Amino acid sequence: MSPDPHTQTPPSLWVTRFSGLVSARVLDVACGSGRHTRYFVGRGADVTAIDRDLSGLGDLRDHPRVHAIQTDLESDAAPWRPEPSAYGGIIVTNYLYRPLLPALVAALQPGGVLIYETFGAGNQAFGKPSNPDFLLQPGELLDAVRGTLTVVAYEHGKVTQPRPAIVQRICAVQASPSLASSLPLDSSA
């Protein structure tokens, strides 16, 4: 039975806040139930949704604008990596696999947007994840894009919604200096 889109978890507010910067093909990494895939398909985008278990996508698996890829992103045997310069938007939420970060940055087209949000150091006080392997250190996403992407916004700290947690998030663009000067800046960056 397909999940009811009306009872699905809503898209992340961080993702929706910067979704207007995304103007082309989207990669939804570790897509889970497909909340962001559904959101961007609803905005008219073609979306590549990737996860080790695609059962949460339900009706989206057969959608004409969704290319679903089932694979273990952390496999040593045959690791999947996105094609360089292939995506106008890359969305990652609640997932961290550090070896994948450089490939994600390289997979952005000129003008492409990385919207990334996951748990940060200090989240142990609020529950899982508590393993440091799955928690970003302060500034780690900034370091991952430094010298390659232009940061539009960055935060690391406590949130209360959808539940109390420590998160780190970034919105960054693969931009030339002329494009970077026209991007909206966020005072929290």
C-alpha atoms as a PDB file:
ATOM      1  CA  MET A   1       0.000   0.000   0.000  1.00  0.00           C
ATOM      2  CA  SER A   2       1.363   3.414  -0.948  1.00  0.00           C
ATOM      3  CA  PRO A   3       1.910   6.004   1.759  1.00  0.00           C
ATOM      4  CA  ASP A   4      -0.726   8.717   1.938  1.00  0.00           C
ATOM      5  CA  PRO A   5       1.002  11.972   0.895  1.00  0.00           C
ATOM      6  CA  HIS A   6      -1.240  13.904   3.281  1.00  0.00           C
ATOM      7  CA  THR A   7       0.096  12.044   6.329  1.00  0.00           C
ATOM      8  CA  GLN A   8       3.763  12.159   5.356  1.00  0.00           C
ATOM      9  CA  THR A   9       6.284  14.124   7.324  1.00  0.00           C
ATOM     10  CA  PRO A  10       6.421  17.617   5.817  1.00  0.00           C
ATOM     11  CA  PRO A  11       9.587  18.754   4.085  1.00  0.00           C
ATOM     12  CA  SER A  12      12.271  20.333   6.212  1.00  0.00           C
ATOM     13  CA  LEU A  13      11.782  24.062   6.710  1.00  0.00           C
ATOM     14  CA  TRP A  14      15.474  24.533   5.865  1.00  0.00           C
ATOM     15  CA  VAL A  15      14.910  22.804   2.527  1.00  0.00           C
ATOM     16  CA  THR A  16      11.746  24.738   1.679  1.00  0.00           C
ATOM     17  CA  ARG A  17      13.378  28.009   2.726  1.00  0.00           C
ATOM     18  CA  PHE A  18      16.070  27.672   0.035  1.00  0.00           C
ATOM     19  CA  SER A  19      14.203  25.578  -2.536  1.00  0.00           C
ATOM     20  CA  GLY A  20      13.576  28.651  -4.694  1.00  0.00           C
ATOM     21  CA  LEU A  21      17.288  28.694  -5.546  1.00  0.00           C
ATOM     22  CA  VAL A  22      17.002  25.231  -7.133  1.00  0.00           C
ATOM     23  CA  SER A  23      16.132  25.467 -10.813  1.00  0.00           C
ATOM     24  CA  ALA A  24      17.070  22.126 -12.350  1.00  0.00           C
ATOM     25  CA  ARG A  25      17.365  18.391 -11.788  1.00  0.00           C
ATOM     26  CA  VAL A  26      17.417  17.418  -8.086  1.00  0.00           C
ATOM     27  CA  LEU A  27      19.235  14.640  -6.241  1.00  0.00           C
ATOM     28  CA  ASP A  28      17.541  13.545  -2.996  1.00  0.00           C
ATOM     29  CA  VAL A  29      20.217  11.634  -1.058  1.00  0.00           C
ATOM     30  CA  ALA A  30      19.055   9.022   1.473  1.00  0.00           C
ATOM     31  CA  CYS A  31      15.516   9.948   0.444  1.00  0.00           C
ATOM     32  CA  GLY A  32      13.720   7.797   3.038  1.00  0.00           C
ATOM     33  CA  SER A  33       9.970   8.311   2.749  1.00  0.00           C
ATOM     34  CA  GLY A  34      10.453  10.747  -0.128  1.00  0.00           C
ATOM     35  CA  ARG A  35       9.233  13.902   1.582  1.00  0.00           C
ATOM     36  CA  HIS A  36      11.718  16.055  -0.356  1.00  0.00           C
ATOM     37  CA  THR A  37      11.325  14.059  -3.561  1.00  0.00           C
ATOM     38  CA  ARG A  38       7.569  14.669  -3.351  1.00  0.00           C
ATOM     39  CA  TYR A  39       8.124  18.348  -2.585  1.00  0.00           C
ATOM     40  CA  PHE A  40      10.404  18.980  -5.582  1.00  0.00           C
ATOM     41  CA  VAL A  41       8.281  16.877  -7.964  1.00  0.00           C
ATOM     42  CA  GLY A  42       5.370  19.061  -6.844  1.00  0.00           C
ATOM     43  CA  ARG A  43       7.431  22.070  -7.905  1.00  0.00           C
ATOM     44  CA  GLY A  44       7.916  20.528 -11.363  1.00  0.00           C
ATOM     45  CA  ALA A  45      11.456  19.179 -10.933  1.00  0.00           C
ATOM     46  CA  ASP A  46      12.902  15.900 -12.135  1.00  0.00           C
ATOM     47  CA  VAL A  47      14.267  14.099  -9.082  1.00  0.00           C
ATOM     48  CA  THR A  48      16.759  11.290  -8.626  1.00  0.00           C
ATOM     49  CA  ALA A  49      15.840   9.675  -5.305  1.00  0.00           C
ATOM     50  CA  ILE A  50      18.450   7.371  -3.822  1.00  0.00           C
ATOM     51  CA  ASP A  51      18.362   5.165  -0.749  1.00  0.00           C
ATOM     52  CA  ARG A  52      19.203   1.636   0.335  1.00  0.00           C
ATOM     53  CA  ASP A  53      15.467   0.990   0.842  1.00  0.00           C
ATOM     54  CA  LEU A  54      13.005   2.610  -1.564  1.00  0.00           C
ATOM     55  CA  SER A  55       9.854   1.141  -0.027  1.00  0.00           C
ATOM     56  CA  GLY A  56       9.095   4.483   1.646  1.00  0.00           C
ATOM     57  CA  LEU A  57       8.692   6.174  -1.751  1.00  0.00           C
ATOM     58  CA  GLY A  58       5.400   4.379  -2.392  1.00  0.00           C
ATOM     59  CA  ASP A  59       3.648   5.866  -5.418  1.00  0.00           C
ATOM     60  CA  LEU A  60       6.647   8.064  -6.235  1.00  0.00           C
ATOM     61  CA  ARG A  61       8.655   5.057  -7.469  1.00  0.00           C
ATOM     62  CA  ASP A  62       6.584   5.003 -10.661  1.00  0.00           C
ATOM     63  CA  HIS A  63       6.286   8.761 -11.123  1.00  0.00           C
ATOM     64  CA  PRO A  64       7.535   9.868 -14.572  1.00  0.00           C
ATOM     65  CA  ARG A  65       9.747  12.620 -13.085  1.00  0.00           C
ATOM     66  CA  VAL A  66      11.326  10.362 -10.445  1.00  0.00           C
ATOM     67  CA  HIS A  67      14.379   8.222 -11.115  1.00  0.00           C
ATOM     68  CA  ALA A  68      14.667   5.917  -8.088  1.00  0.00           C
ATOM     69  CA  ILE A  69      17.991   4.245  -7.331  1.00  0.00           C
ATOM     70  CA  GLN A  70      18.213   1.574  -4.671  1.00  0.00           C
ATOM     71  CA  THR A  71      21.771   1.173  -3.412  1.00  0.00           C
ATOM     72  CA  ASP A  72      23.818   1.202  -0.257  1.00  0.00           C
ATOM     73  CA  LEU A  73      25.622   4.556  -0.390  1.00  0.00           C
ATOM     74  CA  GLU A  74      28.182   3.255   2.085  1.00  0.00           C
ATOM     75  CA  SER A  75      29.066   0.051   0.226  1.00  0.00           C
ATOM     76  CA  ASP A  76      32.745  -0.602  -0.263  1.00  0.00           C
ATOM     77  CA  ALA A  77      32.086  -3.166  -2.999  1.00  0.00           C
ATOM     78  CA  ALA A  78      30.666  -0.845  -5.658  1.00  0.00           C
ATOM     79  CA  PRO A  79      30.080   2.620  -4.213  1.00  0.00           C
ATOM     80  CA  TRP A  80      27.537   4.723  -6.083  1.00  0.00           C
ATOM     81  CA  ARG A  81      28.632   8.288  -6.736  1.00  0.00           C
ATOM     82  CA  PRO A  82      26.778  10.982  -8.666  1.00  0.00           C
ATOM     83  CA  GLU A  83      28.072  12.166 -12.014  1.00  0.00           C
ATOM     84  CA  PRO A  84      30.066  15.415 -11.824  1.00  0.00           C
ATOM     85  CA  SER A  85      28.110  18.570 -12.682  1.00  0.00           C
ATOM     86  CA  ALA A  86      24.869  16.602 -13.061  1.00  0.00           C
ATOM     87  CA  TYR A  87      22.456  18.293 -10.628  1.00  0.00           C
ATOM     88  CA  GLY A  88      20.924  21.699 -10.104  1.00  0.00           C
ATOM     89  CA  GLY A  89      20.040  20.825  -6.538  1.00  0.00           C
ATOM     90  CA  ILE A  90      21.244  18.277  -4.010  1.00  0.00           C
ATOM     91  CA  ILE A  91      19.204  17.694  -0.878  1.00  0.00           C
ATOM     92  CA  VAL A  92      20.495  15.786   2.151  1.00  0.00           C
ATOM     93  CA  THR A  93      18.691  15.659   5.480  1.00  0.00           C
ATOM     94  CA  ASN A  94      19.270  13.495   8.546  1.00  0.00           C
ATOM     95  CA  TYR A  95      22.084  11.572   6.875  1.00  0.00           C
ATOM     96  CA  LEU A  96      25.867  11.702   7.089  1.00  0.00           C
ATOM     97  CA  TYR A  97      28.443   9.656   5.260  1.00  0.00           C
ATOM     98  CA  ARG A  98      31.569  11.792   5.118  1.00  0.00           C
ATOM     99  CA  PRO A  99      33.250  10.005   2.170  1.00  0.00           C
ATOM    100  CA  LEU A 100      30.286  11.027  -0.023  1.00  0.00           C
ATOM    101  CA  LEU A 101      30.601  14.782   0.656  1.00  0.00           C
ATOM    102  CA  PRO A 102      33.262  15.606  -1.992  1.00  0.00           C
ATOM    103  CA  ALA A 103      31.288  13.744  -4.680  1.00  0.00           C
ATOM    104  CA  LEU A 104      28.125  15.655  -3.769  1.00  0.00           C
ATOM    105  CA  VAL A 105      29.905  18.994  -4.051  1.00  0.00           C
ATOM    106  CA  ALA A 106      31.375  17.949  -7.413  1.00  0.00           C
ATOM    107  CA  ALA A 107      27.945  16.808  -8.664  1.00  0.00           C
ATOM    108  CA  LEU A 108      26.548  20.354  -8.691  1.00  0.00           C
ATOM    109  CA  GLN A 109      26.107  22.150 -11.996  1.00  0.00           C
ATOM    110  CA  PRO A 110      27.145  25.811 -12.201  1.00  0.00           C
ATOM    111  CA  GLY A 111      24.455  27.599 -10.219  1.00  0.00           C
ATOM    112  CA  GLY A 112      23.543  24.331  -8.481  1.00  0.00           C
ATOM    113  CA  VAL A 113      22.499  24.398  -4.825  1.00  0.00           C
ATOM    114  CA  LEU A 114      23.504  22.102  -1.965  1.00  0.00           C
ATOM    115  CA  ILE A 115      20.937  22.081   0.844  1.00  0.00           C
ATOM    116  CA  TYR A 116      22.246  19.913   3.665  1.00  0.00           C
ATOM    117  CA  GLU A 117      20.863  19.448   7.189  1.00  0.00           C
ATOM    118  CA  THR A 118      21.778  16.778   9.707  1.00  0.00           C
ATOM    119  CA  PHE A 119      22.694  16.243  13.312  1.00  0.00           C
ATOM    120  CA  GLY A 120      25.650  17.939  14.955  1.00  0.00           C
ATOM    121  CA  ALA A 121      27.989  17.437  17.867  1.00  0.00           C
ATOM    122  CA  GLY A 122      26.077  17.858  21.104  1.00  0.00           C
ATOM    123  CA  ASN A 123      23.028  15.924  19.906  1.00  0.00           C
ATOM    124  CA  GLN A 124      23.940  13.196  22.418  1.00  0.00           C
ATOM    125  CA  ALA A 125      22.082  15.253  25.038  1.00  0.00           C
ATOM    126  CA  PHE A 126      18.830  14.785  23.098  1.00  0.00           C
ATOM    127  CA  GLY A 127      19.047  11.114  22.088  1.00  0.00           C
ATOM    128  CA  LYS A 128      19.913   9.466  18.808  1.00  0.00           C
ATOM    129  CA  PRO A 129      21.993   9.780  16.837  1.00  0.00           C
ATOM    130  CA  SER A 130      24.622   9.961  19.545  1.00  0.00           C
ATOM    131  CA  ASN A 131      27.511   8.188  17.826  1.00  0.00           C
ATOM    132  CA  PRO A 132      30.159  10.796  16.864  1.00  0.00           C
ATOM    133  CA  ASP A 133      30.494   9.088  13.465  1.00  0.00           C
ATOM    134  CA  PHE A 134      27.017  10.429  12.651  1.00  0.00           C
ATOM    135  CA  LEU A 135      27.395  13.911  14.153  1.00  0.00           C
ATOM    136  CA  LEU A 136      28.959  16.847  12.337  1.00  0.00           C
ATOM    137  CA  GLN A 137      31.602  18.821  14.182  1.00  0.00           C
ATOM    138  CA  PRO A 138      31.105  22.621  14.269  1.00  0.00           C
ATOM    139  CA  GLY A 139      32.062  24.069  10.883  1.00  0.00           C
ATOM    140  CA  GLU A 140      32.373  20.682   9.195  1.00  0.00           C
ATOM    141  CA  LEU A 141      29.918  21.509   6.391  1.00  0.00           C
ATOM    142  CA  LEU A 142      31.661  24.851   5.885  1.00  0.00           C
ATOM    143  CA  ASP A 143      34.946  22.975   5.512  1.00  0.00           C
ATOM    144  CA  ALA A 144      33.345  20.562   3.024  1.00  0.00           C
ATOM    145  CA  VAL A 145      32.389  23.392   0.639  1.00  0.00           C
ATOM    146  CA  ARG A 146      35.250  25.821   1.292  1.00  0.00           C
ATOM    147  CA  GLY A 147      36.930  27.009  -1.884  1.00  0.00           C
ATOM    148  CA  THR A 148      34.293  25.372  -4.093  1.00  0.00           C
ATOM    149  CA  LEU A 149      30.815  26.643  -3.188  1.00  0.00           C
ATOM    150  CA  THR A 150      29.491  30.018  -2.095  1.00  0.00           C
ATOM    151  CA  VAL A 151      27.727  29.800   1.281  1.00  0.00           C
ATOM    152  CA  VAL A 152      24.281  31.387   1.333  1.00  0.00           C
ATOM    153  CA  ALA A 153      23.446  30.318   4.910  1.00  0.00           C
ATOM    154  CA  TYR A 154      24.946  28.151   7.648  1.00  0.00           C
ATOM    155  CA  GLU A 155      23.800  27.236  11.153  1.00  0.00           C
ATOM    156  CA  HIS A 156      24.953  24.928  13.919  1.00  0.00           C
ATOM    157  CA  GLY A 157      22.933  24.809  17.093  1.00  0.00           C
ATOM    158  CA  LYS A 158      19.891  23.675  19.011  1.00  0.00           C
ATOM    159  CA  VAL A 159      16.477  23.403  17.376  1.00  0.00           C
ATOM    160  CA  THR A 160      13.174  22.558  19.030  1.00  0.00           C
ATOM    161  CA  GLN A 161      11.201  21.430  15.967  1.00  0.00           C
ATOM    162  CA  PRO A 162      10.387  18.813  14.836  1.00  0.00           C
ATOM    163  CA  ARG A 163      12.050  17.656  18.088  1.00  0.00           C
ATOM    164  CA  PRO A 164      14.843  19.049  20.261  1.00  0.00           C
ATOM    165  CA  ALA A 165      18.190  18.333  18.616  1.00  0.00           C
ATOM    166  CA  ILE A 166      21.527  19.830  17.687  1.00  0.00           C
ATOM    167  CA  VAL A 167      21.703  20.300  13.930  1.00  0.00           C
ATOM    168  CA  GLN A 168      24.110  21.686  11.397  1.00  0.00           C
ATOM    169  CA  ARG A 169      22.844  22.934   8.085  1.00  0.00           C
ATOM    170  CA  ILE A 170      24.102  24.728   5.069  1.00  0.00           C
ATOM    171  CA  CYS A 171      22.834  26.156   1.832  1.00  0.00           C
ATOM    172  CA  ALA A 172      25.653  26.697  -0.652  1.00  0.00           C
ATOM    173  CA  VAL A 173      25.811  27.380  -4.376  1.00  0.00           C
ATOM    174  CA  GLN A 174      28.217  26.346  -7.125  1.00  0.00           C
ATOM    175  CA  ALA A 175      28.620  29.902  -8.306  1.00  0.00           C
ATOM    176  CA  SER A 176      30.932  32.204 -10.159  1.00  0.00           C
ATOM    177  CA  PRO A 177      31.868  35.441  -8.339  1.00  0.00           C
ATOM    178  CA  SER A 178      29.371  37.394 -10.471  1.00  0.00           C
ATOM    179  CA  LEU A 179      26.516  35.034  -9.563  1.00  0.00           C
ATOM    180  CA  ALA A 180      27.597  34.935  -5.923  1.00  0.00           C
ATOM    181  CA  SER A 181      27.188  38.697  -5.601  1.00  0.00           C
ATOM    182  CA  SER A 182      23.500  38.408  -6.528  1.00  0.00           C
ATOM    183  CA  LEU A 183      22.643  35.640  -4.026  1.00  0.00           C
ATOM    184  CA  PRO A 184      20.486  36.464  -1.004  1.00  0.00           C
ATOM    185  CA  LEU A 185      22.583  36.425   2.146  1.00  0.00           C
ATOM    186  CA  ASP A 186      21.337  35.148   5.456  1.00  0.00           C
ATOM    187  CA  SER A 187      22.465  37.028   8.548  1.00  0.00           C
ATOM    188  CA  SER A 188      22.920  33.712  10.403  1.00  0.00           C
ATOM    189  CA  ALA A 189      25.551  32.519   7.908  1.00  0.00           C
END
